[in-house]
Every structure is written in structure tokens, then in C-alpha cells.
PDB file of N, CA and C in Angstrom:
ATOM      1  N   MET A   1       0.990  -0.947  -0.298  1.00  0.00           N
ATOM      2  CA  MET A   1       0.330   0.116   0.247  1.00  0.00           C
ATOM      3  C   MET A   1       0.870   1.489  -0.208  1.00  0.00           C
ATOM      4  N   LEU A   2       0.613   2.053  -0.715  1.00  0.00           N
ATOM      5  CA  LEU A   2       1.037   3.376  -0.977  1.00  0.00           C
ATOM      6  C   LEU A   2       1.227   4.295   0.231  1.00  0.00           C
ATOM      7  N   THR A   3       1.723   5.043   0.579  1.00  0.00           N
ATOM      8  CA  THR A   3       1.726   6.172   1.674  1.00  0.00           C
ATOM      9  C   THR A   3       0.886   7.505   0.943  1.00  0.00           C
ATOM     10  N   ARG A   4       0.554   8.260   1.706  1.00  0.00           N
ATOM     11  CA  ARG A   4      -0.108   9.703   1.379  1.00  0.00           C
ATOM     12  C   ARG A   4       0.872  10.444   0.408  1.00  0.00           C
ATOM     13  N   SER A   5       2.054  10.251   0.400  1.00  0.00           N
ATOM     14  CA  SER A   5       2.967  11.187  -0.081  1.00  0.00           C
ATOM     15  C   SER A   5       3.026  10.455  -1.603  1.00  0.00           C
ATOM     16  N   GLN A   6       3.171   9.046  -1.556  1.00  0.00           N
ATOM     17  CA  GLN A   6       3.733   8.546  -2.582  1.00  0.00           C
ATOM     18  C   GLN A   6       2.233   8.385  -3.783  1.00  0.00           C
ATOM     19  N   VAL A   7       1.270   8.181  -2.913  1.00  0.00           N
ATOM     20  CA  VAL A   7      -0.220   8.514  -3.820  1.00  0.00           C
ATOM     21  C   VAL A   7      -0.413   9.789  -4.179  1.00  0.00           C
ATOM     22  N   VAL A   8       0.041  10.940  -3.610  1.00  0.00           N
ATOM     23  CA  VAL A   8       0.421  12.590  -4.444  1.00  0.00           C
ATOM     24  C   VAL A   8       1.579  12.466  -5.063  1.00  0.00           C
ATOM     25  N   ASP A   9       2.388  11.872  -5.176  1.00  0.00           N
ATOM     26  CA  ASP A   9       3.711  12.087  -5.799  1.00  0.00           C
ATOM     27  C   ASP A   9       3.224  11.201  -7.091  1.00  0.00           C
ATOM     28  N   HIS A  10       2.270  10.167  -7.144  1.00  0.00           N
ATOM     29  CA  HIS A  10       1.966   9.079  -8.058  1.00  0.00           C
ATOM     30  C   HIS A  10       0.959   9.808  -9.522  1.00  0.00           C
ATOM     31  N   SER A  11      -0.148  10.782  -9.061  1.00  0.00           N
ATOM     32  CA  SER A  11      -1.207  11.628  -9.380  1.00  0.00           C
ATOM     33  C   SER A  11      -1.145  12.769  -9.419  1.00  0.00           C
ATOM     34  N   PHE A  12      -0.142  13.854  -8.847  1.00  0.00           N
ATOM     35  CA  PHE A  12      -0.588  14.445  -8.567  1.00  0.00           C
ATOM     36  C   PHE A  12      -0.781  15.487 -10.059  1.00  0.00           C
ATOM     37  N   LEU A  13      -0.232  15.566 -10.897  1.00  0.00           N
ATOM     38  CA  LEU A  13      -0.382  15.889 -12.397  1.00  0.00           C
ATOM     39  C   LEU A  13      -1.310  15.434 -12.964  1.00  0.00           C
ATOM     40  N   GLU A  14      -1.658  14.240 -13.153  1.00  0.00           N
ATOM     41  CA  GLU A  14      -2.846  13.831 -13.744  1.00  0.00           C
ATOM     42  C   GLU A  14      -4.387  14.461 -12.676  1.00  0.00           C
ATOM     43  N   LEU A  15      -4.059  14.437 -12.151  1.00  0.00           N
ATOM     44  CA  LEU A  15      -5.602  14.875 -11.063  1.00  0.00           C
ATOM     45  C   LEU A  15      -5.680  16.237 -11.339  1.00  0.00           C
ATOM     46  N   ARG A  16      -4.366  17.163 -11.578  1.00  0.00           N
ATOM     47  CA  ARG A  16      -4.114  18.618 -11.568  1.00  0.00           C
ATOM     48  C   ARG A  16      -4.839  18.883 -13.439  1.00  0.00           C
ATOM     49  N   CYS A  17      -4.575  18.215 -13.675  1.00  0.00           N
ATOM     50  CA  CYS A  17      -5.450  18.285 -15.669  1.00  0.00           C
ATOM     51  C   CYS A  17      -6.779  17.861 -15.199  1.00  0.00           C
ATOM     52  N   TYR A  18      -7.636  16.905 -14.308  1.00  0.00           N
ATOM     53  CA  TYR A  18      -8.818  16.893 -14.321  1.00  0.00           C
ATOM     54  C   TYR A  18      -9.383  18.001 -13.614  1.00  0.00           C
ATOM     55  N   LEU A  19      -8.713  18.512 -12.916  1.00  0.00           N
ATOM     56  CA  LEU A  19      -9.603  19.406 -12.096  1.00  0.00           C
ATOM     57  C   LEU A  19      -9.067  20.756 -13.126  1.00  0.00           C
ATOM     58  N   LEU A  20      -8.177  21.014 -13.727  1.00  0.00           N
ATOM     59  CA  LEU A  20      -8.782  22.128 -14.441  1.00  0.00           C
ATOM     60  C   LEU A  20      -9.525  21.951 -15.667  1.00  0.00           C
ATOM     61  N   GLU A  21      -9.748  20.847 -16.352  1.00  0.00           N
ATOM     62  CA  GLU A  21     -10.592  20.391 -17.104  1.00  0.00           C
ATOM     63  C   GLU A  21     -11.929  20.310 -16.342  1.00  0.00           C
ATOM     64  N   ILE A  22     -12.029  20.324 -15.288  1.00  0.00           N
ATOM     65  CA  ILE A  22     -13.561  20.141 -14.320  1.00  0.00           C
ATOM     66  C   ILE A  22     -13.478  21.903 -14.499  1.00  0.00           C
ATOM     67  N   ALA A  23     -12.725  22.446 -13.996  1.00  0.00           N
ATOM     68  CA  ALA A  23     -12.645  24.127 -13.550  1.00  0.00           C
ATOM     69  C   ALA A  23     -13.327  24.806 -15.024  1.00  0.00           C
ATOM     70  N   ALA A  24     -12.700  24.239 -16.117  1.00  0.00           N
ATOM     71  CA  ALA A  24     -13.135  24.836 -17.705  1.00  0.00           C
ATOM     72  C   ALA A  24     -14.509  24.620 -18.001  1.00  0.00           C
ATOM     73  N   THR A  25     -15.108  23.135 -17.665  1.00  0.00           N
ATOM     74  CA  THR A  25     -16.463  23.162 -18.074  1.00  0.00           C
ATOM     75  C   THR A  25     -17.399  23.777 -17.131  1.00  0.00           C
ATOM     76  N   LEU A  26     -17.114  23.845 -15.825  1.00  0.00           N
ATOM     77  CA  LEU A  26     -18.303  24.834 -15.377  1.00  0.00           C
ATOM     78  C   LEU A  26     -18.198  26.296 -16.005  1.00  0.00           C
ATOM     79  N   ASP A  27     -17.132  26.816 -16.230  1.00  0.00           N
ATOM     80  CA  ASP A  27     -16.811  28.235 -16.456  1.00  0.00           C
ATOM     81  C   ASP A  27     -17.582  28.102 -17.987  1.00  0.00           C
ATOM     82  N   ARG A  28     -17.701  27.373 -18.478  1.00  0.00           N
ATOM     83  CA  ARG A  28     -17.984  26.979 -19.995  1.00  0.00           C
ATOM     84  C   ARG A  28     -19.911  26.887 -19.812  1.00  0.00           C
ATOM     85  N   TYR A  29     -20.470  26.073 -18.973  1.00  0.00           N
ATOM     86  CA  TYR A  29     -21.483  26.152 -18.473  1.00  0.00           C
ATOM     87  C   TYR A  29     -22.372  27.429 -18.285  1.00  0.00           C
ATOM     88  N   ASP A  30     -21.408  28.089 -17.072  1.00  0.00           N
ATOM     89  CA  ASP A  30     -21.780  29.322 -16.377  1.00  0.00           C
ATOM     90  C   ASP A  30     -21.998  30.655 -17.781  1.00  0.00           C
ATOM     91  N   ARG A  31     -21.058  30.717 -18.548  1.00  0.00           N
ATOM     92  CA  ARG A  31     -20.877  31.609 -19.685  1.00  0.00           C
ATOM     93  C   ARG A  31     -22.184  31.529 -21.011  1.00  0.00           C
ATOM     94  N   ALA A  32     -22.581  29.975 -20.552  1.00  0.00           N
ATOM     95  CA  ALA A  32     -23.603  29.644 -21.717  1.00  0.00           C
ATOM     96  C   ALA A  32     -24.943  30.426 -21.962  1.00  0.00           C
ATOM     97  N   PRO A  33     -25.487  30.586 -22.845  1.00  0.00           N
ATOM     98  CA  PRO A  33     -26.937  31.569 -22.923  1.00  0.00           C
ATOM     99  C   PRO A  33     -27.985  30.322 -21.998  1.00  0.00           C
ATOM    100  N   GLU A  34     -29.245  30.935 -21.344  1.00  0.00           N
ATOM    101  CA  GLU A  34     -29.889  29.609 -21.154  1.00  0.00           C
ATOM    102  C   GLU A  34     -30.609  29.193 -22.322  1.00  0.00           C
ATOM    103  N   ASP A  35     -30.909  27.765 -22.023  1.00  0.00           N
ATOM    104  CA  ASP A  35     -31.850  27.081 -23.055  1.00  0.00           C
ATOM    105  C   ASP A  35     -32.863  27.794 -23.161  1.00  0.00           C
ATOM    106  N   SER A  36     -33.557  27.989 -24.397  1.00  0.00           N
ATOM    107  CA  SER A  36     -34.956  28.675 -24.331  1.00  0.00           C
ATOM    108  C   SER A  36     -36.402  28.084 -23.803  1.00  0.00           C
ATOM    109  N   ALA A  37     -36.462  27.093 -23.698  1.00  0.00           N
ATOM    110  CA  ALA A  37     -37.179  25.704 -22.835  1.00  0.00           C
ATOM    111  C   ALA A  37     -36.482  25.856 -21.670  1.00  0.00           C
ATOM    112  N   GLU A  38     -36.182  26.462 -20.737  1.00  0.00           N
ATOM    113  CA  GLU A  38     -35.295  26.095 -19.373  1.00  0.00           C
ATOM    114  C   GLU A  38     -36.179  25.011 -18.599  1.00  0.00           C
ATOM    115  N   HIS A  39     -35.290  23.809 -18.021  1.00  0.00           N
ATOM    116  CA  HIS A  39     -36.008  22.791 -17.450  1.00  0.00           C
ATOM    117  C   HIS A  39     -34.578  22.473 -16.631  1.00  0.00           C
ATOM    118  N   ALA A  40     -34.528  21.754 -15.356  1.00  0.00           N
ATOM    119  CA  ALA A  40     -33.835  21.669 -14.615  1.00  0.00           C
ATOM    120  C   ALA A  40     -33.216  20.351 -14.945  1.00  0.00           C
ATOM    121  N   ASP A  41     -32.017  20.272 -15.332  1.00  0.00           N
ATOM    122  CA  ASP A  41     -31.073  18.823 -16.069  1.00  0.00           C
ATOM    123  C   ASP A  41     -31.027  17.908 -15.038  1.00  0.00           C
ATOM    124  N   ASP A  42     -31.080  17.195 -14.902  1.00  0.00           N
ATOM    125  CA  ASP A  42     -30.835  16.135 -13.992  1.00  0.00           C
ATOM    126  C   ASP A  42     -29.696  15.686 -13.912  1.00  0.00           C
ATOM    127  N   ARG A  43     -28.999  15.813 -15.026  1.00  0.00           N
ATOM    128  CA  ARG A  43     -27.384  15.230 -15.370  1.00  0.00           C
ATOM    129  C   ARG A  43     -26.537  16.681 -14.141  1.00  0.00           C
ATOM    130  N   TRP A  44     -26.672  17.572 -14.615  1.00  0.00           N
ATOM    131  CA  TRP A  44     -25.999  18.748 -13.926  1.00  0.00           C
ATOM    132  C   TRP A  44     -25.694  19.227 -12.404  1.00  0.00           C
ATOM    133  N   SER A  45     -27.538  18.569 -12.210  1.00  0.00           N
ATOM    134  CA  SER A  45     -27.691  18.157 -10.452  1.00  0.00           C
ATOM    135  C   SER A  45     -26.789  16.977 -10.234  1.00  0.00           C
ATOM    136  N   LYS A  46     -26.689  16.210 -10.881  1.00  0.00           N
ATOM    137  CA  LYS A  46     -25.859  14.873 -10.193  1.00  0.00           C
ATOM    138  C   LYS A  46     -24.150  15.400 -10.399  1.00  0.00           C
ATOM    139  N   ILE A  47     -24.143  16.409 -11.434  1.00  0.00           N
ATOM    140  CA  ILE A  47     -22.366  16.985 -11.483  1.00  0.00           C
ATOM    141  C   ILE A  47     -22.200  17.401 -10.200  1.00  0.00           C
ATOM    142  N   LYS A  48     -22.969  18.354  -9.582  1.00  0.00           N
ATOM    143  CA  LYS A  48     -22.956  19.408  -8.478  1.00  0.00           C
ATOM    144  C   LYS A  48     -23.192  18.604  -7.580  1.00  0.00           C
ATOM    145  N   GLN A  49     -23.737  17.581  -7.557  1.00  0.00           N
ATOM    146  CA  GLN A  49     -23.601  16.721  -6.149  1.00  0.00           C
ATOM    147  C   GLN A  49     -22.555  15.898  -5.959  1.00  0.00           C
ATOM    148  N   ALA A  50     -21.948  15.692  -7.152  1.00  0.00           N
ATOM    149  CA  ALA A  50     -20.473  14.663  -7.075  1.00  0.00           C
ATOM    150  C   ALA A  50     -19.529  15.527  -6.713  1.00  0.00           C
ATOM    151  N   LEU A  51     -19.460  17.044  -7.225  1.00  0.00           N
ATOM    152  CA  LEU A  51     -18.663  17.530  -6.318  1.00  0.00           C
ATOM    153  C   LEU A  51     -18.772  18.096  -5.025  1.00  0.00           C
ATOM    154  N   GLN A  52     -20.102  17.731  -4.501  1.00  0.00           N
ATOM    155  CA  GLN A  52     -19.670  17.726  -2.776  1.00  0.00           C
ATOM    156  C   GLN A  52     -19.732  16.708  -2.512  1.00  0.00           C
ATOM    157  N   ILE A  53     -20.005  15.710  -2.802  1.00  0.00           N
ATOM    158  CA  ILE A  53     -19.527  14.485  -2.595  1.00  0.00           C
ATOM    159  C   ILE A  53     -17.793  14.073  -2.377  1.00  0.00           C
ATOM    160  N   LEU A  54     -17.198  14.640  -3.165  1.00  0.00           N
ATOM    161  CA  LEU A  54     -15.451  14.491  -3.552  1.00  0.00           C
ATOM    162  C   LEU A  54     -14.972  15.950  -2.629  1.00  0.00           C
ATOM    163  N   THR A  55     -16.009  16.544  -2.003  1.00  0.00           N
ATOM    164  CA  THR A  55     -15.332  17.483  -1.378  1.00  0.00           C
ATOM    165  C   THR A  55     -15.505  17.545   0.377  1.00  0.00           C
ATOM    166  N   GLN A  56     -16.405  16.227   0.891  1.00  0.00           N
ATOM    167  CA  GLN A  56     -16.607  16.403   1.986  1.00  0.00           C
ATOM    168  C   GLN A  56     -15.637  15.170   2.781  1.00  0.00           C
ATOM    169  N   GLU A  57     -15.044  15.590   3.870  1.00  0.00           N
ATOM    170  CA  GLU A  57     -14.517  15.419   4.721  1.00  0.00           C
ATOM    171  C   GLU A  57     -14.964  13.457   5.248  1.00  0.00           C
ATOM    172  N   ARG A  58     -14.051  13.259   5.403  1.00  0.00           N
ATOM    173  CA  ARG A  58     -14.980  11.543   5.479  1.00  0.00           C
ATOM    174  C   ARG A  58     -14.201  10.744   6.797  1.00  0.00           C
ATOM    175  N   ALA A  59     -14.756  10.089   7.715  1.00  0.00           N
ATOM    176  CA  ALA A  59     -14.201   8.998   8.471  1.00  0.00           C
ATOM    177  C   ALA A  59     -13.901   7.777   7.706  1.00  0.00           C
ATOM    178  N   GLN A  60     -14.540   7.651   6.624  1.00  0.00           N
ATOM    179  CA  GLN A  60     -14.867   6.038   5.997  1.00  0.00           C
ATOM    180  C   GLN A  60     -14.423   6.495   4.418  1.00  0.00           C
ATOM    181  N   PRO A  61     -13.227   6.057   3.779  1.00  0.00           N
ATOM    182  CA  PRO A  61     -13.317   6.284   2.486  1.00  0.00           C
ATOM    183  C   PRO A  61     -14.005   5.780   1.637  1.00  0.00           C
ATOM    184  N   ASP A  62     -15.033   6.368   1.523  1.00  0.00           N
ATOM    185  CA  ASP A  62     -16.221   5.822   0.310  1.00  0.00           C
ATOM    186  C   ASP A  62     -16.835   6.569  -0.538  1.00  0.00           C
ATOM    187  N   ARG A  63     -16.115   7.735  -1.321  1.00  0.00           N
ATOM    188  CA  ARG A  63     -16.556   8.337  -2.203  1.00  0.00           C
ATOM    189  C   ARG A  63     -16.809   7.657  -3.615  1.00  0.00           C
ATOM    190  N   THR A  64     -16.101   6.588  -3.638  1.00  0.00           N
ATOM    191  CA  THR A  64     -16.159   5.741  -5.596  1.00  0.00           C
ATOM    192  C   THR A  64     -17.770   5.282  -5.232  1.00  0.00           C
ATOM    193  N   GLU A  65     -17.877   4.634  -3.433  1.00  0.00           N
ATOM    194  CA  GLU A  65     -19.518   3.820  -3.883  1.00  0.00           C
ATOM    195  C   GLU A  65     -20.161   4.692  -4.170  1.00  0.00           C
ATOM    196  N   GLU A  66     -20.222   5.949  -3.267  1.00  0.00           N
ATOM    197  CA  GLU A  66     -21.372   6.491  -3.344  1.00  0.00           C
ATOM    198  C   GLU A  66     -21.613   8.002  -4.772  1.00  0.00           C
ATOM    199  N   LEU A  67     -20.310   8.018  -5.481  1.00  0.00           N
ATOM    200  CA  LEU A  67     -20.575   8.507  -6.822  1.00  0.00           C
ATOM    201  C   LEU A  67     -21.288   7.305  -7.875  1.00  0.00           C
ATOM    202  N   LEU A  68     -20.549   6.352  -7.477  1.00  0.00           N
ATOM    203  CA  LEU A  68     -21.508   5.123  -8.135  1.00  0.00           C
ATOM    204  C   LEU A  68     -23.053   4.961  -8.072  1.00  0.00           C
ATOM    205  N   MET A  69     -23.418   5.241  -6.994  1.00  0.00           N
ATOM    206  CA  MET A  69     -24.652   4.703  -6.563  1.00  0.00           C
ATOM    207  C   MET A  69     -25.407   6.375  -7.031  1.00  0.00           C
ATOM    208  N   LEU A  70     -24.854   7.310  -6.966  1.00  0.00           N
ATOM    209  CA  LEU A  70     -25.231   8.823  -7.953  1.00  0.00           C
ATOM    210  C   LEU A  70     -25.790   8.075  -9.389  1.00  0.00           C
ATOM    211  N   PHE A  71     -24.654   8.048  -9.892  1.00  0.00           N
ATOM    212  CA  PHE A  71     -24.504   7.947 -11.473  1.00  0.00           C
ATOM    213  C   PHE A  71     -25.565   6.571 -11.652  1.00  0.00           C
ATOM    214  N   SER A  72     -25.713   5.361 -11.082  1.00  0.00           N
ATOM    215  CA  SER A  72     -26.428   4.723 -11.078  1.00  0.00           C
ATOM    216  C   SER A  72     -27.742   4.859 -11.853  1.00  0.00           C
ATOM    217  N   ASP A  73     -28.124   4.037 -12.315  1.00  0.00           N
ATOM    218  CA  ASP A  73     -29.621   3.568 -12.842  1.00  0.00           C
ATOM    219  C   ASP A  73     -30.547   2.973 -11.954  1.00  0.00           C
ATOM    220  N   ARG A  74     -30.888   3.661 -10.947  1.00  0.00           N
ATOM    221  CA  ARG A  74     -31.723   3.130  -9.563  1.00  0.00           C
ATOM    222  C   ARG A  74     -32.829   2.437 -10.313  1.00  0.00           C
ATOM    223  N   SER A  75     -33.651   2.750 -11.451  1.00  0.00           N
ATOM    224  CA  SER A  75     -34.647   1.765 -11.703  1.00  0.00           C
ATOM    225  C   SER A  75     -34.128   0.359 -11.761  1.00  0.00           C
ATOM    226  N   ARG A  76     -33.147   0.387 -12.305  1.00  0.00           N
ATOM    227  CA  ARG A  76     -32.493  -1.098 -12.252  1.00  0.00           C
ATOM    228  C   ARG A  76     -32.366  -1.566 -10.992  1.00  0.00           C
ATOM    229  N   LEU A  77     -31.644  -0.865  -9.933  1.00  0.00           N
ATOM    230  CA  LEU A  77     -31.290  -1.431  -8.471  1.00  0.00           C
ATOM    231  C   LEU A  77     -32.244  -1.615  -7.786  1.00  0.00           C
ATOM    232  N   ASP A  78     -33.474  -1.133  -8.300  1.00  0.00           N
ATOM    233  CA  ASP A  78     -35.078  -1.065  -7.819  1.00  0.00           C
ATOM    234  C   ASP A  78     -35.775  -2.602  -8.024  1.00  0.00           C
ATOM    235  N   GLY A  79     -35.341  -3.200  -9.476  1.00  0.00           N
ATOM    236  CA  GLY A  79     -35.638  -3.902 -10.284  1.00  0.00           C
ATOM    237  C   GLY A  79     -36.942  -3.798 -11.375  1.00  0.00           C
ATOM    238  N   ARG A  80     -37.309  -2.268 -11.146  1.00  0.00           N
ATOM    239  CA  ARG A  80     -37.618  -2.241 -12.225  1.00  0.00           C
ATOM    240  C   ARG A  80     -37.245  -2.317 -13.614  1.00  0.00           C
ATOM    241  N   PRO A  81     -38.047  -2.167 -14.972  1.00  0.00           N
ATOM    242  CA  PRO A  81     -37.046  -2.342 -15.924  1.00  0.00           C
ATOM    243  C   PRO A  81     -37.071  -1.425 -16.500  1.00  0.00           C
TER     244      PRO A  81
END
């Protein structure tokens, strides 16, 4: 198992790239004109929820599981077609 310093050493540049891409996408979204038939987009709501999940301090490292559940098709999990 890697130490925390080793995790940072191994992943820093790649994570920095991902974070910059996320920031750029958020900026593009904020700059974009609103749709003519504006409605709440469930996908964008999930993205914002995911960002909150990622930034929460946790006693148990379970962010991946929580994000998988957020983006899963819950109707399949409930046994519905």
C-alpha cells in the first residue's frame, strides 16, 4: 500500500489536469446562454452533487461507492425495467 505522499507523487499531475478540465467545463456552463425551454437538467444536478461528495471530509473513504450510486440507474437497482 502506498503512503499518502506516494499517492500524491504518483497522481498529482493527472489529478491537476482533471481538475483544470472540470473548472473549464464549469466556466463554459456558466458563460453559456440559457436554453429557450429552460428546465432542470438532472445530469447537471448530479455533477454538482458529485462535486459536493468529493469535497466532504470523511471518516470512511467511500467516495467512489457514493459516486457510483449517484450515477447509477436506480430503476435497475430497484428491479424495475
